[in-house]
């Protein structure tokens, strides 16, 4: 009986550890997307973009927004340090950058 209690608590520990590791991975992906978006934003502000470049830019930021929404769903399921306001703010900022027009 005693080993069963240890086994259950050990499984709980492993489950928490796996969730924590997944959360760290998702947070790193989110940080990478923010860095890429910032780099692209700085780049588009320095050059005149053609219509084709603007379309590529909008598609790229559309993909960024889709990835952020996917990450948000997974982080909400993990329920470790999830802040919905922060995710909404990131999506709003990406949408504003996506709508950029020379």
Protein backbone atom coordinates (compact mmCIF):
# COMPACT_ATOMS: atom_id res chain seq x y z
CA UNK A 1 0.00 0.00 0.00
CA UNK A 2 2.81 2.38 0.81
CA UNK A 3 4.46 1.91 -2.60
CA UNK A 4 1.16 2.75 -4.31
CA UNK A 5 1.08 6.16 -2.60
CA UNK A 6 4.65 6.86 -3.69
CA UNK A 7 3.84 5.74 -7.22
CA UNK A 8 0.89 8.13 -7.47
CA UNK A 9 2.82 11.07 -6.13
CA UNK A 10 5.76 10.25 -8.40
CA UNK A 11 3.43 10.18 -11.41
CA UNK A 12 2.05 13.53 -10.33
CA UNK A 13 5.59 14.87 -10.11
CA UNK A 14 6.43 13.56 -13.60
CA UNK A 15 3.23 15.01 -15.04
CA UNK A 16 4.03 18.42 -13.54
CA UNK A 17 7.60 18.25 -14.84
CA UNK A 18 6.40 17.40 -18.37
CA UNK A 19 3.93 20.30 -18.28
CA UNK A 20 6.64 22.64 -17.04
CA UNK A 21 9.05 21.57 -19.78
CA UNK A 22 6.36 21.98 -22.45
CA UNK A 23 5.54 25.43 -21.07
CA UNK A 24 9.20 26.45 -21.28
CA UNK A 25 9.35 25.24 -24.90
CA UNK A 26 6.20 27.19 -25.82
CA UNK A 27 7.45 30.32 -24.05
CA UNK A 28 10.70 30.09 -26.02
CA UNK A 29 8.76 29.75 -29.30
CA UNK A 30 6.67 32.78 -28.36
CA UNK A 31 9.81 34.78 -27.60
CA UNK A 32 11.31 33.76 -30.96
CA UNK A 33 8.18 34.92 -32.79
CA UNK A 34 8.30 38.27 -30.99
CA UNK A 35 11.97 38.70 -31.90
CA UNK A 36 11.28 37.83 -35.56
CA UNK A 37 8.31 40.23 -35.66
CA UNK A 38 10.38 43.03 -34.15
CA UNK A 39 13.18 42.44 -36.66
CA UNK A 40 10.70 42.45 -39.57
CA UNK A 41 9.01 45.60 -38.23
CA UNK A 42 12.35 47.41 -38.09
CA UNK A 43 13.18 46.22 -41.58
CA UNK A 44 9.94 47.35 -43.22
CA UNK A 45 10.19 50.80 -41.65
CA UNK A 46 13.54 51.44 -43.33
CA UNK A 47 12.70 50.51 -46.91
CA UNK A 48 10.00 51.34 -49.41
CA UNK A 49 7.98 48.19 -50.04
CA UNK A 50 6.40 47.19 -53.31
CA UNK A 51 2.90 45.72 -53.42
CA UNK A 52 4.34 42.23 -53.61
CA UNK A 53 6.54 42.90 -50.57
CA UNK A 54 3.56 44.20 -48.61
CA UNK A 55 1.56 41.07 -49.49
CA UNK A 56 4.45 38.85 -48.36
CA UNK A 57 4.70 40.90 -45.17
CA UNK A 58 0.98 40.49 -44.42
CA UNK A 59 1.09 36.74 -45.06
CA UNK A 60 4.14 36.38 -42.82
CA UNK A 61 2.46 38.22 -39.95
CA UNK A 62 -0.71 36.22 -40.54
CA UNK A 63 1.36 33.08 -39.94
CA UNK A 64 2.88 34.63 -36.81
CA UNK A 65 -0.60 35.39 -35.45
CA UNK A 66 -1.77 31.84 -36.20
CA UNK A 67 1.25 30.38 -34.38
CA UNK A 68 0.68 32.67 -31.38
CA UNK A 69 -2.96 31.54 -31.20
CA UNK A 70 -1.86 27.90 -31.30
CA UNK A 71 0.70 28.51 -28.57
CA UNK A 72 -1.95 30.30 -26.50
CA UNK A 73 -4.29 27.28 -26.72
CA UNK A 74 -1.55 24.92 -25.60
CA UNK A 75 -0.44 27.22 -22.78
CA UNK A 76 -4.03 27.53 -21.59
CA UNK A 77 -4.30 23.73 -21.44
CA UNK A 78 -1.06 23.50 -19.45
CA UNK A 79 -2.29 26.20 -17.06
CA UNK A 80 1.20 27.14 -15.87
CA UNK A 81 1.86 30.88 -15.73
CA UNK A 82 -0.73 31.58 -18.45
CA UNK A 83 -1.72 35.21 -18.89
CA UNK A 84 -4.52 35.71 -21.40
CA UNK A 85 -4.14 39.51 -21.41
CA UNK A 86 -0.52 39.19 -22.48
CA UNK A 87 -1.42 36.89 -25.38
CA UNK A 88 -4.20 39.23 -26.52
CA UNK A 89 -1.80 42.17 -26.37
CA UNK A 90 0.79 40.28 -28.46
CA UNK A 91 -1.86 39.40 -31.06
CA UNK A 92 -3.04 43.04 -31.16
CA UNK A 93 0.50 44.29 -31.71
CA UNK A 94 1.13 41.74 -34.46
CA UNK A 95 -2.15 42.73 -36.12
CA UNK A 96 -1.17 46.41 -36.07
CA UNK A 97 2.20 45.57 -37.64
CA UNK A 98 0.46 43.34 -40.20
CA UNK A 99 -1.78 46.23 -41.31
CA UNK A 100 1.26 48.45 -41.94
CA UNK A 101 1.16 50.25 -45.25
CA UNK A 102 3.76 52.64 -46.69
